[in-house]
PDB file of N, CA and C in Angstrom:
ATOM      1  N   UNK A   1     106.008  60.945 140.944  1.00  0.00           N
ATOM      2  CA  UNK A   1     104.861  60.129 141.246  1.00  0.00           C
ATOM      3  C   UNK A   1     105.171  58.683 140.838  1.00  0.00           C
ATOM      4  N   UNK A   2     104.659  57.726 141.582  1.00  0.00           N
ATOM      5  CA  UNK A   2     104.910  56.316 141.301  1.00  0.00           C
ATOM      6  C   UNK A   2     104.175  55.876 140.036  1.00  0.00           C
ATOM      7  N   UNK A   3     104.707  54.833 139.455  1.00  0.00           N
ATOM      8  CA  UNK A   3     104.096  54.277 138.241  1.00  0.00           C
ATOM      9  C   UNK A   3     102.668  53.784 138.516  1.00  0.00           C
ATOM     10  N   UNK A   4     102.438  53.178 139.672  1.00  0.00           N
ATOM     11  CA  UNK A   4     101.103  52.668 140.012  1.00  0.00           C
ATOM     12  C   UNK A   4     100.096  53.817 140.161  1.00  0.00           C
ATOM     13  N   UNK A   5     100.542  54.955 140.625  1.00  0.00           N
ATOM     14  CA  UNK A   5      99.648  56.111 140.739  1.00  0.00           C
ATOM     15  C   UNK A   5      99.217  56.602 139.361  1.00  0.00           C
ATOM     16  N   UNK A   6     100.173  56.639 138.428  1.00  0.00           N
ATOM     17  CA  UNK A   6      99.846  57.057 137.062  1.00  0.00           C
ATOM     18  C   UNK A   6      98.882  56.070 136.414  1.00  0.00           C
ATOM     19  N   UNK A   7      99.094  54.787 136.629  1.00  0.00           N
ATOM     20  CA  UNK A   7      98.194  53.779 136.064  1.00  0.00           C
ATOM     21  C   UNK A   7      96.792  53.905 136.650  1.00  0.00           C
ATOM     22  N   UNK A   8      96.697  54.180 137.928  1.00  0.00           N
ATOM     23  CA  UNK A   8      95.398  54.361 138.568  1.00  0.00           C
ATOM     24  C   UNK A   8      94.678  55.575 137.991  1.00  0.00           C
ATOM     25  N   UNK A   9      95.386  56.671 137.855  1.00  0.00           N
ATOM     26  CA  UNK A   9      94.785  57.892 137.299  1.00  0.00           C
ATOM     27  C   UNK A   9      94.351  57.664 135.861  1.00  0.00           C
ATOM     28  N   UNK A  10      95.187  57.029 135.063  1.00  0.00           N
ATOM     29  CA  UNK A  10      94.858  56.743 133.669  1.00  0.00           C
ATOM     30  C   UNK A  10      93.642  55.824 133.570  1.00  0.00           C
ATOM     31  N   UNK A  11      93.562  54.835 134.436  1.00  0.00           N
ATOM     32  CA  UNK A  11      92.411  53.924 134.448  1.00  0.00           C
ATOM     33  C   UNK A  11      91.126  54.661 134.805  1.00  0.00           C
ATOM     34  N   UNK A  12      91.187  55.535 135.781  1.00  0.00           N
ATOM     35  CA  UNK A  12      90.000  56.299 136.178  1.00  0.00           C
ATOM     36  C   UNK A  12      89.538  57.238 135.069  1.00  0.00           C
ATOM     37  N   UNK A  13      90.478  57.884 134.385  1.00  0.00           N
ATOM     38  CA  UNK A  13      90.122  58.763 133.271  1.00  0.00           C
ATOM     39  C   UNK A  13      89.492  57.946 132.147  1.00  0.00           C
ATOM     40  N   UNK A  14      90.051  56.775 131.861  1.00  0.00           N
ATOM     41  CA  UNK A  14      89.484  55.898 130.832  1.00  0.00           C
ATOM     42  C   UNK A  14      88.082  55.436 131.181  1.00  0.00           C
ATOM     43  N   UNK A  15      87.863  55.084 132.422  1.00  0.00           N
ATOM     44  CA  UNK A  15      86.537  54.658 132.871  1.00  0.00           C
ATOM     45  C   UNK A  15      85.531  55.800 132.770  1.00  0.00           C
ATOM     46  N   UNK A  16      85.940  56.991 133.164  1.00  0.00           N
ATOM     47  CA  UNK A  16      85.051  58.154 133.058  1.00  0.00           C
ATOM     48  C   UNK A  16      84.707  58.448 131.609  1.00  0.00           C
ATOM     49  N   UNK A  17      85.682  58.325 130.713  1.00  0.00           N
ATOM     50  CA  UNK A  17      85.420  58.555 129.288  1.00  0.00           C
ATOM     51  C   UNK A  17      84.451  57.515 128.739  1.00  0.00           C
ATOM     52  N   UNK A  18      84.616  56.261 129.118  1.00  0.00           N
ATOM     53  CA  UNK A  18      83.716  55.200 128.669  1.00  0.00           C
ATOM     54  C   UNK A  18      82.295  55.434 129.165  1.00  0.00           C
ATOM     55  N   UNK A  19      82.133  55.763 130.433  1.00  0.00           N
ATOM     56  CA  UNK A  19      80.808  56.027 130.986  1.00  0.00           C
ATOM     57  C   UNK A  19      80.148  57.228 130.306  1.00  0.00           C
ATOM     58  N   UNK A  20      80.921  58.261 130.037  1.00  0.00           N
ATOM     59  CA  UNK A  20      80.383  59.422 129.335  1.00  0.00           C
ATOM     60  C   UNK A  20      79.931  59.079 127.937  1.00  0.00           C
ATOM     61  N   UNK A  21      80.726  58.295 127.230  1.00  0.00           N
ATOM     62  CA  UNK A  21      80.360  57.897 125.872  1.00  0.00           C
ATOM     63  C   UNK A  21      79.097  57.041 125.886  1.00  0.00           C
ATOM     64  N   UNK A  22      79.011  56.082 126.797  1.00  0.00           N
ATOM     65  CA  UNK A  22      77.834  55.227 126.881  1.00  0.00           C
ATOM     66  C   UNK A  22      76.585  56.026 127.243  1.00  0.00           C
ATOM     67  N   UNK A  23      76.737  57.025 128.088  1.00  0.00           N
ATOM     68  CA  UNK A  23      75.603  57.845 128.505  1.00  0.00           C
ATOM     69  C   UNK A  23      75.062  58.692 127.366  1.00  0.00           C
ATOM     70  N   UNK A  24      75.930  59.287 126.580  1.00  0.00           N
ATOM     71  CA  UNK A  24      75.494  60.248 125.580  1.00  0.00           C
ATOM     72  C   UNK A  24      75.234  59.671 124.201  1.00  0.00           C
ATOM     73  N   UNK A  25      75.789  58.518 123.849  1.00  0.00           N
ATOM     74  CA  UNK A  25      75.689  58.066 122.475  1.00  0.00           C
ATOM     75  C   UNK A  25      75.012  56.723 122.265  1.00  0.00           C
ATOM     76  N   UNK A  26      74.541  56.053 123.297  1.00  0.00           N
ATOM     77  CA  UNK A  26      73.945  54.741 123.079  1.00  0.00           C
ATOM     78  C   UNK A  26      72.459  54.815 122.751  1.00  0.00           C
ATOM     79  N   UNK A  27      71.692  55.640 123.410  1.00  0.00           N
ATOM     80  CA  UNK A  27      70.258  55.693 123.172  1.00  0.00           C
ATOM     81  C   UNK A  27      69.887  56.735 122.128  1.00  0.00           C
ATOM     82  N   UNK A  28      69.501  56.282 120.973  1.00  0.00           N
ATOM     83  CA  UNK A  28      69.135  57.216 119.913  1.00  0.00           C
ATOM     84  C   UNK A  28      67.641  57.537 119.935  1.00  0.00           C
ATOM     85  N   UNK A  29      66.823  56.620 120.439  1.00  0.00           N
ATOM     86  CA  UNK A  29      65.374  56.826 120.516  1.00  0.00           C
ATOM     87  C   UNK A  29      64.969  56.754 121.977  1.00  0.00           C
ATOM     88  N   UNK A  30      64.157  57.694 122.432  1.00  0.00           N
ATOM     89  CA  UNK A  30      63.674  57.711 123.811  1.00  0.00           C
ATOM     90  C   UNK A  30      62.156  57.661 123.789  1.00  0.00           C
ATOM     91  N   UNK A  31      61.576  56.720 124.514  1.00  0.00           N
ATOM     92  CA  UNK A  31      60.124  56.559 124.576  1.00  0.00           C
ATOM     93  C   UNK A  31      59.627  56.751 126.004  1.00  0.00           C
ATOM     94  N   UNK A  32      58.510  57.444 126.118  1.00  0.00           N
ATOM     95  CA  UNK A  32      57.783  57.564 127.377  1.00  0.00           C
ATOM     96  C   UNK A  32      56.490  56.783 127.203  1.00  0.00           C
ATOM     97  N   UNK A  33      56.260  55.825 128.088  1.00  0.00           N
ATOM     98  CA  UNK A  33      55.090  54.948 127.986  1.00  0.00           C
ATOM     99  C   UNK A  33      54.348  54.963 129.309  1.00  0.00           C
ATOM    100  N   UNK A  34      53.032  55.134 129.248  1.00  0.00           N
ATOM    101  CA  UNK A  34      52.179  55.031 130.433  1.00  0.00           C
ATOM    102  C   UNK A  34      51.290  53.810 130.276  1.00  0.00           C
ATOM    103  N   UNK A  35      51.235  52.995 131.313  1.00  0.00           N
ATOM    104  CA  UNK A  35      50.418  51.783 131.315  1.00  0.00           C
ATOM    105  C   UNK A  35      49.360  51.897 132.402  1.00  0.00           C
ATOM    106  N   UNK A  36      48.166  51.406 132.085  1.00  0.00           N
ATOM    107  CA  UNK A  36      47.084  51.294 133.063  1.00  0.00           C
ATOM    108  C   UNK A  36      46.775  49.818 133.217  1.00  0.00           C
ATOM    109  N   UNK A  37      46.828  49.341 134.475  1.00  0.00           N
ATOM    110  CA  UNK A  37      46.606  47.921 134.739  1.00  0.00           C
ATOM    111  C   UNK A  37      46.128  47.747 136.167  1.00  0.00           C
ATOM    112  N   UNK A  38      45.118  46.942 136.348  1.00  0.00           N
ATOM    113  CA  UNK A  38      44.545  46.625 137.663  1.00  0.00           C
ATOM    114  C   UNK A  38      44.207  47.875 138.463  1.00  0.00           C
ATOM    115  N   UNK A  39      43.673  48.874 137.809  1.00  0.00           N
ATOM    116  CA  UNK A  39      43.255  50.090 138.485  1.00  0.00           C
ATOM    117  C   UNK A  39      44.368  51.069 138.783  1.00  0.00           C
ATOM    118  N   UNK A  40      45.561  50.766 138.383  1.00  0.00           N
ATOM    119  CA  UNK A  40      46.687  51.668 138.624  1.00  0.00           C
ATOM    120  C   UNK A  40      47.256  52.209 137.322  1.00  0.00           C
ATOM    121  N   UNK A  41      48.043  53.239 137.440  1.00  0.00           N
ATOM    122  CA  UNK A  41      48.678  53.851 136.259  1.00  0.00           C
ATOM    123  C   UNK A  41      50.123  54.189 136.623  1.00  0.00           C
ATOM    124  N   UNK A  42      51.038  53.866 135.705  1.00  0.00           N
ATOM    125  CA  UNK A  42      52.452  54.163 135.918  1.00  0.00           C
ATOM    126  C   UNK A  42      53.096  54.495 134.575  1.00  0.00           C
ATOM    127  N   UNK A  43      53.999  55.460 134.602  1.00  0.00           N
ATOM    128  CA  UNK A  43      54.710  55.871 133.389  1.00  0.00           C
ATOM    129  C   UNK A  43      56.198  55.613 133.571  1.00  0.00           C
ATOM    130  N   UNK A  44      56.887  55.335 132.462  1.00  0.00           N
ATOM    131  CA  UNK A  44      58.328  55.094 132.493  1.00  0.00           C
ATOM    132  C   UNK A  44      58.956  55.600 131.199  1.00  0.00           C
ATOM    133  N   UNK A  45      60.245  55.899 131.278  1.00  0.00           N
ATOM    134  CA  UNK A  45      61.015  56.381 130.130  1.00  0.00           C
ATOM    135  C   UNK A  45      62.171  55.422 129.894  1.00  0.00           C
ATOM    136  N   UNK A  46      62.451  55.106 128.611  1.00  0.00           N
ATOM    137  CA  UNK A  46      63.583  54.253 128.272  1.00  0.00           C
ATOM    138  C   UNK A  46      64.185  54.720 126.954  1.00  0.00           C
ATOM    139  N   UNK A  47      65.470  54.489 126.783  1.00  0.00           N
ATOM    140  CA  UNK A  47      66.173  54.837 125.546  1.00  0.00           C
ATOM    141  C   UNK A  47      66.836  53.592 124.984  1.00  0.00           C
ATOM    142  N   UNK A  48      66.873  53.505 123.647  1.00  0.00           N
ATOM    143  CA  UNK A  48      67.497  52.364 122.975  1.00  0.00           C
ATOM    144  C   UNK A  48      67.875  52.768 121.548  1.00  0.00           C
ATOM    145  N   UNK A  49      68.453  51.825 120.836  1.00  0.00           N
ATOM    146  CA  UNK A  49      68.885  52.080 119.465  1.00  0.00           C
ATOM    147  C   UNK A  49      67.713  52.241 118.508  1.00  0.00           C
ATOM    148  N   UNK A  50      66.605  51.527 118.750  1.00  0.00           N
ATOM    149  CA  UNK A  50      65.447  51.642 117.866  1.00  0.00           C
ATOM    150  C   UNK A  50      64.180  51.846 118.685  1.00  0.00           C
ATOM    151  N   UNK A  51      63.124  52.309 118.013  1.00  0.00           N
ATOM    152  CA  UNK A  51      61.893  52.674 118.712  1.00  0.00           C
ATOM    153  C   UNK A  51      61.229  51.482 119.388  1.00  0.00           C
ATOM    154  N   UNK A  52      61.202  50.331 118.733  1.00  0.00           N
ATOM    155  CA  UNK A  52      60.530  49.170 119.308  1.00  0.00           C
ATOM    156  C   UNK A  52      61.222  48.699 120.591  1.00  0.00           C
ATOM    157  N   UNK A  53      62.545  48.720 120.607  1.00  0.00           N
ATOM    158  CA  UNK A  53      63.281  48.318 121.817  1.00  0.00           C
ATOM    159  C   UNK A  53      63.060  49.308 122.955  1.00  0.00           C
ATOM    160  N   UNK A  54      63.057  50.598 122.634  1.00  0.00           N
ATOM    161  CA  UNK A  54      62.818  51.617 123.661  1.00  0.00           C
ATOM    162  C   UNK A  54      61.403  51.498 124.213  1.00  0.00           C
ATOM    163  N   UNK A  55      60.423  51.281 123.330  1.00  0.00           N
ATOM    164  CA  UNK A  55      59.034  51.124 123.761  1.00  0.00           C
ATOM    165  C   UNK A  55      58.876  49.895 124.652  1.00  0.00           C
ATOM    166  N   UNK A  56      59.456  48.782 124.235  1.00  0.00           N
ATOM    167  CA  UNK A  56      59.341  47.541 125.002  1.00  0.00           C
ATOM    168  C   UNK A  56      59.958  47.678 126.393  1.00  0.00           C
ATOM    169  N   UNK A  57      61.114  48.314 126.450  1.00  0.00           N
ATOM    170  CA  UNK A  57      61.773  48.503 127.747  1.00  0.00           C
ATOM    171  C   UNK A  57      60.973  49.427 128.659  1.00  0.00           C
ATOM    172  N   UNK A  58      60.448  50.518 128.106  1.00  0.00           N
ATOM    173  CA  UNK A  58      59.641  51.443 128.915  1.00  0.00           C
ATOM    174  C   UNK A  58      58.353  50.773 129.388  1.00  0.00           C
ATOM    175  N   UNK A  59      57.724  49.983 128.522  1.00  0.00           N
ATOM    176  CA  UNK A  59      56.489  49.278 128.900  1.00  0.00           C
ATOM    177  C   UNK A  59      56.757  48.300 130.030  1.00  0.00           C
ATOM    178  N   UNK A  60      57.835  47.530 129.923  1.00  0.00           N
ATOM    179  CA  UNK A  60      58.174  46.565 130.981  1.00  0.00           C
ATOM    180  C   UNK A  60      58.471  47.260 132.301  1.00  0.00           C
ATOM    181  N   UNK A  61      59.162  48.395 132.241  1.00  0.00           N
ATOM    182  CA  UNK A  61      59.467  49.149 133.448  1.00  0.00           C
ATOM    183  C   UNK A  61      58.203  49.698 134.085  1.00  0.00           C
ATOM    184  N   UNK A  62      57.302  50.233 133.268  1.00  0.00           N
ATOM    185  CA  UNK A  62      56.040  50.765 133.790  1.00  0.00           C
ATOM    186  C   UNK A  62      55.198  49.651 134.407  1.00  0.00           C
ATOM    187  N   UNK A  63      55.201  48.479 133.787  1.00  0.00           N
ATOM    188  CA  UNK A  63      54.417  47.359 134.316  1.00  0.00           C
ATOM    189  C   UNK A  63      55.030  46.781 135.588  1.00  0.00           C
ATOM    190  N   UNK A  64      56.313  47.004 135.771  1.00  0.00           N
ATOM    191  CA  UNK A  64      56.992  46.446 136.940  1.00  0.00           C
ATOM    192  C   UNK A  64      56.384  46.863 138.261  1.00  0.00           C
ATOM    193  N   UNK A  65      55.884  48.099 138.344  1.00  0.00           N
ATOM    194  CA  UNK A  65      55.275  48.572 139.589  1.00  0.00           C
ATOM    195  C   UNK A  65      53.780  48.273 139.666  1.00  0.00           C
ATOM    196  N   UNK A  66      53.181  47.923 138.530  1.00  0.00           N
ATOM    197  CA  UNK A  66      51.735  47.666 138.519  1.00  0.00           C
ATOM    198  C   UNK A  66      51.399  46.192 138.700  1.00  0.00           C
ATOM    199  N   UNK A  67      52.245  45.318 138.206  1.00  0.00           N
ATOM    200  CA  UNK A  67      51.950  43.885 138.218  1.00  0.00           C
ATOM    201  C   UNK A  67      52.297  43.268 139.568  1.00  0.00           C
ATOM    202  N   UNK A  68      51.490  42.323 139.969  1.00  0.00           N
ATOM    203  CA  UNK A  68      51.718  41.575 141.200  1.00  0.00           C
ATOM    204  C   UNK A  68      51.927  40.109 140.824  1.00  0.00           C
ATOM    205  N   UNK A  69      53.156  39.744 140.559  1.00  0.00           N
ATOM    206  CA  UNK A  69      53.455  38.360 140.196  1.00  0.00           C
ATOM    207  C   UNK A  69      53.680  38.194 138.706  1.00  0.00           C
ATOM    208  N   UNK A  70      54.079  36.984 138.342  1.00  0.00           N
ATOM    209  CA  UNK A  70      54.445  36.684 136.961  1.00  0.00           C
ATOM    210  C   UNK A  70      53.236  36.765 136.037  1.00  0.00           C
ATOM    211  N   UNK A  71      52.113  36.222 136.445  1.00  0.00           N
ATOM    212  CA  UNK A  71      50.918  36.221 135.595  1.00  0.00           C
ATOM    213  C   UNK A  71      50.476  37.646 135.281  1.00  0.00           C
ATOM    214  N   UNK A  72      50.432  38.511 136.284  1.00  0.00           N
ATOM    215  CA  UNK A  72      50.078  39.911 136.062  1.00  0.00           C
ATOM    216  C   UNK A  72      51.104  40.615 135.177  1.00  0.00           C
ATOM    217  N   UNK A  73      52.363  40.262 135.345  1.00  0.00           N
ATOM    218  CA  UNK A  73      53.415  40.877 134.539  1.00  0.00           C
ATOM    219  C   UNK A  73      53.222  40.574 133.056  1.00  0.00           C
ATOM    220  N   UNK A  74      52.918  39.320 132.742  1.00  0.00           N
ATOM    221  CA  UNK A  74      52.654  38.949 131.347  1.00  0.00           C
ATOM    222  C   UNK A  74      51.401  39.645 130.822  1.00  0.00           C
ATOM    223  N   UNK A  75      50.361  39.717 131.648  1.00  0.00           N
ATOM    224  CA  UNK A  75      49.121  40.368 131.222  1.00  0.00           C
ATOM    225  C   UNK A  75      49.329  41.858 130.994  1.00  0.00           C
ATOM    226  N   UNK A  76      50.076  42.506 131.861  1.00  0.00           N
ATOM    227  CA  UNK A  76      50.338  43.937 131.704  1.00  0.00           C
ATOM    228  C   UNK A  76      51.164  44.198 130.446  1.00  0.00           C
ATOM    229  N   UNK A  77      52.183  43.378 130.200  1.00  0.00           N
ATOM    230  CA  UNK A  77      53.003  43.536 128.997  1.00  0.00           C
ATOM    231  C   UNK A  77      52.201  43.343 127.716  1.00  0.00           C
ATOM    232  N   UNK A  78      51.146  42.530 127.778  1.00  0.00           N
ATOM    233  CA  UNK A  78      50.319  42.284 126.596  1.00  0.00           C
ATOM    234  C   UNK A  78      49.254  43.365 126.401  1.00  0.00           C
ATOM    235  N   UNK A  79      48.979  44.151 127.436  1.00  0.00           N
ATOM    236  CA  UNK A  79      47.943  45.195 127.350  1.00  0.00           C
ATOM    237  C   UNK A  79      48.445  46.364 126.498  1.00  0.00           C
ATOM    238  N   UNK A  80      47.523  47.053 125.838  1.00  0.00           N
ATOM    239  CA  UNK A  80      47.938  48.245 125.061  1.00  0.00           C
ATOM    240  C   UNK A  80      48.354  49.377 125.996  1.00  0.00           C
ATOM    241  N   UNK A  81      49.278  50.180 125.521  1.00  0.00           N
ATOM    242  CA  UNK A  81      49.753  51.319 126.312  1.00  0.00           C
ATOM    243  C   UNK A  81      48.689  52.401 126.367  1.00  0.00           C
ATOM    244  N   UNK A  82      48.542  53.041 127.532  1.00  0.00           N
ATOM    245  CA  UNK A  82      47.590  54.147 127.653  1.00  0.00           C
ATOM    246  C   UNK A  82      48.092  55.348 126.850  1.00  0.00           C
ATOM    247  N   UNK A  83      49.385  55.630 126.943  1.00  0.00           N
ATOM    248  CA  UNK A  83      50.013  56.672 126.133  1.00  0.00           C
ATOM    249  C   UNK A  83      51.400  56.202 125.718  1.00  0.00           C
ATOM    250  N   UNK A  84      51.830  56.694 124.565  1.00  0.00           N
ATOM    251  CA  UNK A  84      53.140  56.323 124.021  1.00  0.00           C
ATOM    252  C   UNK A  84      53.699  57.515 123.261  1.00  0.00           C
ATOM    253  N   UNK A  85      54.886  57.928 123.636  1.00  0.00           N
ATOM    254  CA  UNK A  85      55.516  59.062 122.972  1.00  0.00           C
ATOM    255  C   UNK A  85      56.991  58.744 122.770  1.00  0.00           C
ATOM    256  N   UNK A  86      57.444  58.715 121.519  1.00  0.00           N
ATOM    257  CA  UNK A  86      58.835  58.423 121.213  1.00  0.00           C
ATOM    258  C   UNK A  86      59.445  59.556 120.401  1.00  0.00           C
ATOM    259  N   UNK A  87      60.721  59.815 120.674  1.00  0.00           N
ATOM    260  CA  UNK A  87      61.436  60.830 119.892  1.00  0.00           C
ATOM    261  C   UNK A  87      62.867  60.420 119.702  1.00  0.00           C
TER     262      UNK A  87
END
């Protein structure tokens, strides 16, 4: 087999190992957050190193489908969560 083929295979194995490690070991806390805004309700899940970061990311994701524009986005992010569950 050519040297370039071995390098390609080794690179692909390394990339797969990196993606697997990032998938399984980066998020230690997972939060599910449901937001109610402008008559709608949406839930989202996010994982992060700490609970506050996971909650903030899930809240922003949930508000993303509810808010219409920048002003609504800020208002939704400032609203209290309808439900919050972290583990």
